[in-house]
Amino acid sequence: SISYLKGLNYLVNIADITVSPKMHTCQSNQKILVYAAVGKPIVMYRTLANYFLLRDKGIYAKEITAESLAKAIVKAYDMVESGKFNRIGQIQFIKKNYSTHSQILMKKLREIYYGD
């Protein structure tokens, strides 16, 4: 719904970091692309789906445990506070790989559609 999207937009914009604690490797996690596109650090478990989407742009918990996730959250805050989080690099990565104007994305879609 529209109110949900407005609320989500507001929350993402006021957040210092974002967290997406999906644990299952077969679940899609496309909201991390939204978080990344606005330049927010994203803490998550390193599942195949998450790593496929963000590669080295995510901040990954080393294990699928609450303790490991908490450590990754602290790391994300530390990166923001110290200026080590590369917000611009993350946004550029999303634009290059997931924008509808991205040549890489269009090539992948052509390959899927035409079976090249």
Protein backbone atom coordinates (compact mmCIF):
# COMPACT_ATOMS: atom_id res chain seq x y z
CA SER A 1 0.00 0.00 0.00
CA ILE A 2 1.00 3.62 -0.44
CA SER A 3 1.08 4.32 3.30
CA TYR A 4 3.42 1.33 3.83
CA LEU A 5 5.81 2.61 1.15
CA LYS A 6 5.79 6.14 2.57
CA GLY A 7 6.46 4.77 6.04
CA LEU A 8 9.28 2.55 4.78
CA ASN A 9 10.82 5.44 2.87
CA TYR A 10 10.71 7.61 6.00
CA LEU A 11 12.28 4.92 8.20
CA VAL A 12 15.07 4.12 5.74
CA ASN A 13 15.92 7.80 5.37
CA ILE A 14 16.20 8.48 9.10
CA ALA A 15 18.16 5.30 9.82
CA ASP A 16 21.93 5.38 10.32
CA ILE A 17 22.23 1.75 9.23
CA THR A 18 19.88 -0.92 7.96
CA VAL A 19 19.60 -4.55 9.05
CA SER A 20 18.12 -7.43 7.09
CA PRO A 21 18.44 -10.59 9.19
CA LYS A 22 17.06 -13.13 6.72
CA MET A 23 18.67 -16.48 7.44
CA HIS A 24 17.51 -18.78 4.68
CA THR A 25 19.74 -19.05 1.66
CA CYS A 26 16.87 -19.57 -0.78
CA GLN A 27 14.93 -16.43 0.17
CA SER A 28 15.21 -13.38 -2.02
CA ASN A 29 16.13 -10.21 -0.19
CA GLN A 30 15.51 -7.45 -2.69
CA LYS A 31 14.91 -4.77 -0.06
CA ILE A 32 18.67 -4.64 0.43
CA LEU A 33 18.90 -3.09 -3.03
CA VAL A 34 16.65 -0.26 -1.83
CA TYR A 35 18.79 0.22 1.27
CA ALA A 36 21.95 0.20 -0.83
CA ALA A 37 20.55 2.58 -3.44
CA VAL A 38 20.08 5.28 -0.80
CA GLY A 39 23.55 4.72 0.58
CA LYS A 40 22.76 3.05 3.89
CA PRO A 41 25.11 0.45 5.37
CA ILE A 42 23.40 -2.93 5.30
CA VAL A 43 24.00 -5.57 7.95
CA MET A 44 22.94 -9.08 7.01
CA TYR A 45 23.88 -12.71 7.10
CA ARG A 46 26.18 -13.85 4.32
CA THR A 47 23.77 -16.09 2.46
CA LEU A 48 24.13 -16.92 -1.20
CA ALA A 49 21.24 -14.60 -2.16
CA ASN A 50 22.56 -11.66 -0.13
CA TYR A 51 26.12 -11.99 -1.37
CA PHE A 52 24.96 -12.41 -4.96
CA LEU A 53 23.17 -9.05 -4.76
CA LEU A 54 25.72 -6.92 -2.92
CA ARG A 55 29.09 -8.70 -3.10
CA ASP A 56 31.58 -6.75 -0.96
CA LYS A 57 29.18 -3.84 -0.40
CA GLY A 58 27.35 -5.55 2.47
CA ILE A 59 28.40 -5.83 6.09
CA TYR A 60 28.04 -9.51 6.87
CA ALA A 61 27.63 -11.37 10.13
CA LYS A 62 30.22 -14.15 10.20
CA GLU A 63 27.77 -16.76 11.49
CA ILE A 64 24.00 -17.11 11.54
CA THR A 65 23.67 -16.22 15.22
CA ALA A 66 22.28 -13.26 17.13
CA GLU A 67 25.72 -12.58 18.62
CA SER A 68 27.38 -12.45 15.23
CA LEU A 69 24.66 -10.17 13.89
CA ALA A 70 25.12 -7.85 16.89
CA LYS A 71 28.87 -7.65 16.20
CA ALA A 72 28.19 -6.77 12.57
CA ILE A 73 25.77 -4.03 13.66
CA VAL A 74 28.44 -2.52 15.92
CA LYS A 75 30.92 -2.75 13.02
CA ALA A 76 28.48 -0.89 10.75
CA TYR A 77 28.05 1.93 13.28
CA ASP A 78 31.82 2.13 13.72
CA MET A 79 32.29 2.38 9.95
CA VAL A 80 29.75 5.22 9.75
CA GLU A 81 31.26 7.08 12.71
CA SER A 82 34.84 6.73 11.45
CA GLY A 83 33.97 7.70 7.88
CA LYS A 84 35.11 4.29 6.56
CA PHE A 85 31.73 3.43 5.05
CA ASN A 86 31.86 4.11 1.29
CA ARG A 87 28.35 5.44 0.67
CA ILE A 88 29.13 6.78 -2.80
CA GLY A 89 30.80 3.54 -3.89
CA GLN A 90 27.76 1.57 -2.78
CA ILE A 91 25.35 3.83 -4.66
CA GLN A 92 27.51 3.64 -7.79
CA PHE A 93 27.58 -0.17 -7.52
CA ILE A 94 23.77 -0.26 -7.45
CA LYS A 95 23.46 2.15 -10.38
CA LYS A 96 25.98 0.20 -12.44
CA ASN A 97 24.54 -3.24 -11.77
CA TYR A 98 20.82 -2.72 -11.14
CA SER A 99 19.69 0.48 -12.81
CA THR A 100 17.38 0.00 -15.77
CA HIS A 101 19.96 2.05 -17.68
CA SER A 102 22.70 -0.36 -16.71
CA GLN A 103 24.30 -2.06 -19.68
CA ILE A 104 25.28 -4.96 -17.42
CA LEU A 105 21.69 -5.51 -16.28
CA MET A 106 20.32 -5.22 -19.80
CA LYS A 107 22.88 -7.76 -21.05
CA LYS A 108 21.91 -10.21 -18.29
CA LEU A 109 18.21 -9.79 -19.09
CA ARG A 110 18.86 -10.35 -22.82
CA GLU A 111 20.81 -13.50 -22.00
CA ILE A 112 17.98 -14.81 -19.84
CA TYR A 113 15.28 -13.89 -22.32
CA TYR A 114 17.03 -15.08 -25.50
CA GLY A 115 19.05 -17.87 -23.90
CA ASP A 116 22.38 -16.50 -25.13
